[in-house]
C-alpha atoms as a PDB file:
ATOM      1  CA  MET A   1      38.890  42.806   1.643  1.00  0.00           C
ATOM      2  CA  TYR A   2      36.106  45.351   1.990  1.00  0.00           C
ATOM      3  CA  GLU A   3      34.130  46.941  -0.803  1.00  0.00           C
ATOM      4  CA  GLY A   4      35.982  50.256  -0.809  1.00  0.00           C
ATOM      5  CA  HIS A   5      39.509  48.874  -0.458  1.00  0.00           C
ATOM      6  CA  PRO A   6      41.954  50.447  -2.961  1.00  0.00           C
ATOM      7  CA  GLU A   7      42.905  46.998  -4.303  1.00  0.00           C
ATOM      8  CA  ASN A   8      39.322  45.946  -4.970  1.00  0.00           C
ATOM      9  CA  PRO A   9      38.599  44.817  -7.594  1.00  0.00           C
ATOM     10  CA  ILE A  10      41.843  43.209  -8.787  1.00  0.00           C
ATOM     11  CA  ASP A  11      42.472  44.195 -12.376  1.00  0.00           C
ATOM     12  CA  LEU A  12      44.113  41.294 -14.350  1.00  0.00           C
ATOM     13  CA  SER A  13      43.316  42.727 -17.767  1.00  0.00           C
ATOM     14  CA  GLU A  14      46.982  43.245 -18.571  1.00  0.00           C
ATOM     15  CA  TYR A  15      47.615  39.489 -18.704  1.00  0.00           C
ATOM     16  CA  ASN A  16      47.174  37.331 -21.741  1.00  0.00           C
ATOM     17  CA  ALA A  17      44.881  34.326 -22.123  1.00  0.00           C
ATOM     18  CA  GLY A  18      46.502  31.109 -21.018  1.00  0.00           C
ATOM     19  CA  GLU A  19      49.018  32.777 -18.671  1.00  0.00           C
ATOM     20  CA  ASN A  20      49.299  31.543 -15.101  1.00  0.00           C
ATOM     21  CA  ILE A  21      48.550  34.414 -12.739  1.00  0.00           C
ATOM     22  CA  TYR A  22      49.344  33.871  -9.074  1.00  0.00           C
ATOM     23  CA  ILE A  23      47.441  35.928  -6.501  1.00  0.00           C
ATOM     24  CA  TYR A  24      49.101  36.057  -3.147  1.00  0.00           C
ATOM     25  CA  LEU A  25      49.074  37.943   0.186  1.00  0.00           C
ATOM     26  CA  SER A  26      51.984  39.340   2.196  1.00  0.00           C
ATOM     27  CA  TYR A  27      52.265  41.002   5.540  1.00  0.00           C
ATOM     28  CA  PHE A  28      52.644  44.819   5.571  1.00  0.00           C
ATOM     29  CA  GLU A  29      53.371  47.295   8.390  1.00  0.00           C
ATOM     30  CA  SER A  30      52.865  51.069   8.169  1.00  0.00           C
ATOM     31  CA  ASN A  31      53.349  53.771  10.781  1.00  0.00           C
ATOM     32  CA  ALA A  32      50.129  55.450  11.757  1.00  0.00           C
ATOM     33  CA  ASP A  33      48.558  58.080  13.999  1.00  0.00           C
ATOM     34  CA  TRP A  34      50.885  61.063  14.039  1.00  0.00           C
ATOM     35  CA  ASP A  35      50.975  62.717  17.455  1.00  0.00           C
ATOM     36  CA  SER A  36      52.994  65.847  18.347  1.00  0.00           C
ATOM     37  CA  GLU A  37      52.947  65.200  22.089  1.00  0.00           C
ATOM     38  CA  LYS A  38      53.077  61.402  22.615  1.00  0.00           C
ATOM     39  CA  GLY A  39      55.157  60.662  19.543  1.00  0.00           C
ATOM     40  CA  GLN A  40      57.138  63.847  19.618  1.00  0.00           C
ATOM     41  CA  GLY A  41      56.038  64.659  16.072  1.00  0.00           C
ATOM     42  CA  GLN A  42      56.085  61.066  14.845  1.00  0.00           C
ATOM     43  CA  GLU A  43      53.581  58.249  14.421  1.00  0.00           C
ATOM     44  CA  ILE A  44      52.670  56.395  17.616  1.00  0.00           C
ATOM     45  CA  HIS A  45      51.100  53.218  16.236  1.00  0.00           C
ATOM     46  CA  ILE A  46      51.801  50.545  13.655  1.00  0.00           C
ATOM     47  CA  TRP A  47      49.149  49.564  11.182  1.00  0.00           C
ATOM     48  CA  GLU A  48      49.295  45.886  10.252  1.00  0.00           C
ATOM     49  CA  CYS A  49      47.567  44.625   7.119  1.00  0.00           C
ATOM     50  CA  GLY A  50      47.744  42.231   4.269  1.00  0.00           C
ATOM     51  CA  LYS A  51      48.954  43.403   0.856  1.00  0.00           C
ATOM     52  CA  LEU A  52      47.637  41.724  -2.277  1.00  0.00           C
ATOM     53  CA  HIS A  53      50.006  40.925  -5.123  1.00  0.00           C
ATOM     54  CA  PHE A  54      49.589  39.272  -8.461  1.00  0.00           C
ATOM     55  CA  SER A  55      52.234  38.030 -10.850  1.00  0.00           C
ATOM     56  CA  THR A  56      53.032  35.409 -13.481  1.00  0.00           C
ATOM     57  CA  VAL A  57      55.835  34.251 -11.246  1.00  0.00           C
ATOM     58  CA  LYS A  58      54.872  31.901  -8.386  1.00  0.00           C
ATOM     59  CA  PRO A  59      56.077  33.303  -5.045  1.00  0.00           C
ATOM     60  CA  VAL A  60      59.249  31.620  -3.839  1.00  0.00           C
ATOM     61  CA  ASP A  61      58.932  32.208  -0.077  1.00  0.00           C
ATOM     62  CA  ILE A  62      55.511  30.786   0.852  1.00  0.00           C
ATOM     63  CA  LYS A  63      56.009  31.739   4.496  1.00  0.00           C
ATOM     64  CA  LYS A  64      56.185  35.462   3.565  1.00  0.00           C
ATOM     65  CA  ASN A  65      53.804  35.253   0.599  1.00  0.00           C
ATOM     66  CA  ILE A  66      50.676  33.207   1.100  1.00  0.00           C
ATOM     67  CA  LEU A  67      49.425  31.858  -2.236  1.00  0.00           C
ATOM     68  CA  LEU A  68      45.702  32.374  -2.511  1.00  0.00           C
ATOM     69  CA  ALA A  69      44.968  31.352  -6.080  1.00  0.00           C
ATOM     70  CA  ARG A  70      46.259  30.550  -9.534  1.00  0.00           C
ATOM     71  CA  VAL A  71      44.117  32.030 -12.296  1.00  0.00           C
ATOM     72  CA  VAL A  72      44.357  31.196 -15.975  1.00  0.00           C
ATOM     73  CA  PRO A  73      42.309  33.640 -18.153  1.00  0.00           C
ATOM     74  CA  ILE A  74      40.566  32.238 -21.225  1.00  0.00           C
ATOM     75  CA  GLU A  75      39.832  34.035 -24.478  1.00  0.00           C
ATOM     76  CA  VAL A  76      36.315  34.146 -25.788  1.00  0.00           C
ATOM     77  CA  TYR A  77      35.193  35.453 -29.095  1.00  0.00           C
ATOM     78  CA  ASP A  78      32.051  37.638 -28.896  1.00  0.00           C
ATOM     79  CA  GLU A  79      29.973  37.230 -32.047  1.00  0.00           C
ATOM     80  CA  LYS A  80      28.017  40.458 -31.394  1.00  0.00           C
ATOM     81  CA  THR A  81      31.011  42.771 -30.992  1.00  0.00           C
ATOM     82  CA  LYS A  82      33.380  40.730 -33.138  1.00  0.00           C
ATOM     83  CA  LYS A  83      36.043  41.076 -30.387  1.00  0.00           C
ATOM     84  CA  ARG A  84      38.117  38.640 -28.343  1.00  0.00           C
ATOM     85  CA  ASN A  85      37.702  39.071 -24.590  1.00  0.00           C
ATOM     86  CA  HIS A  86      39.697  37.608 -21.736  1.00  0.00           C
ATOM     87  CA  TYR A  87      37.808  36.076 -18.793  1.00  0.00           C
END
């Protein structure tokens, strides 16, 4: 995933400490390159890419959803700010 990718960085802040978070990749196709002559007003190519997902539910079909990681955030108390942070 490149630096400017819309899914970079992955924001997992909505999850609680101690939860299992599964990060996985699936195949995605999108029509691309609209052309009025060659495509008669429609897209003439297919853009193939990977789509990142994250969930507390482990993907069932591992052939369609490639499991990349399982992350378990921890909670840390910051003495300076007196707040609990998830990492």
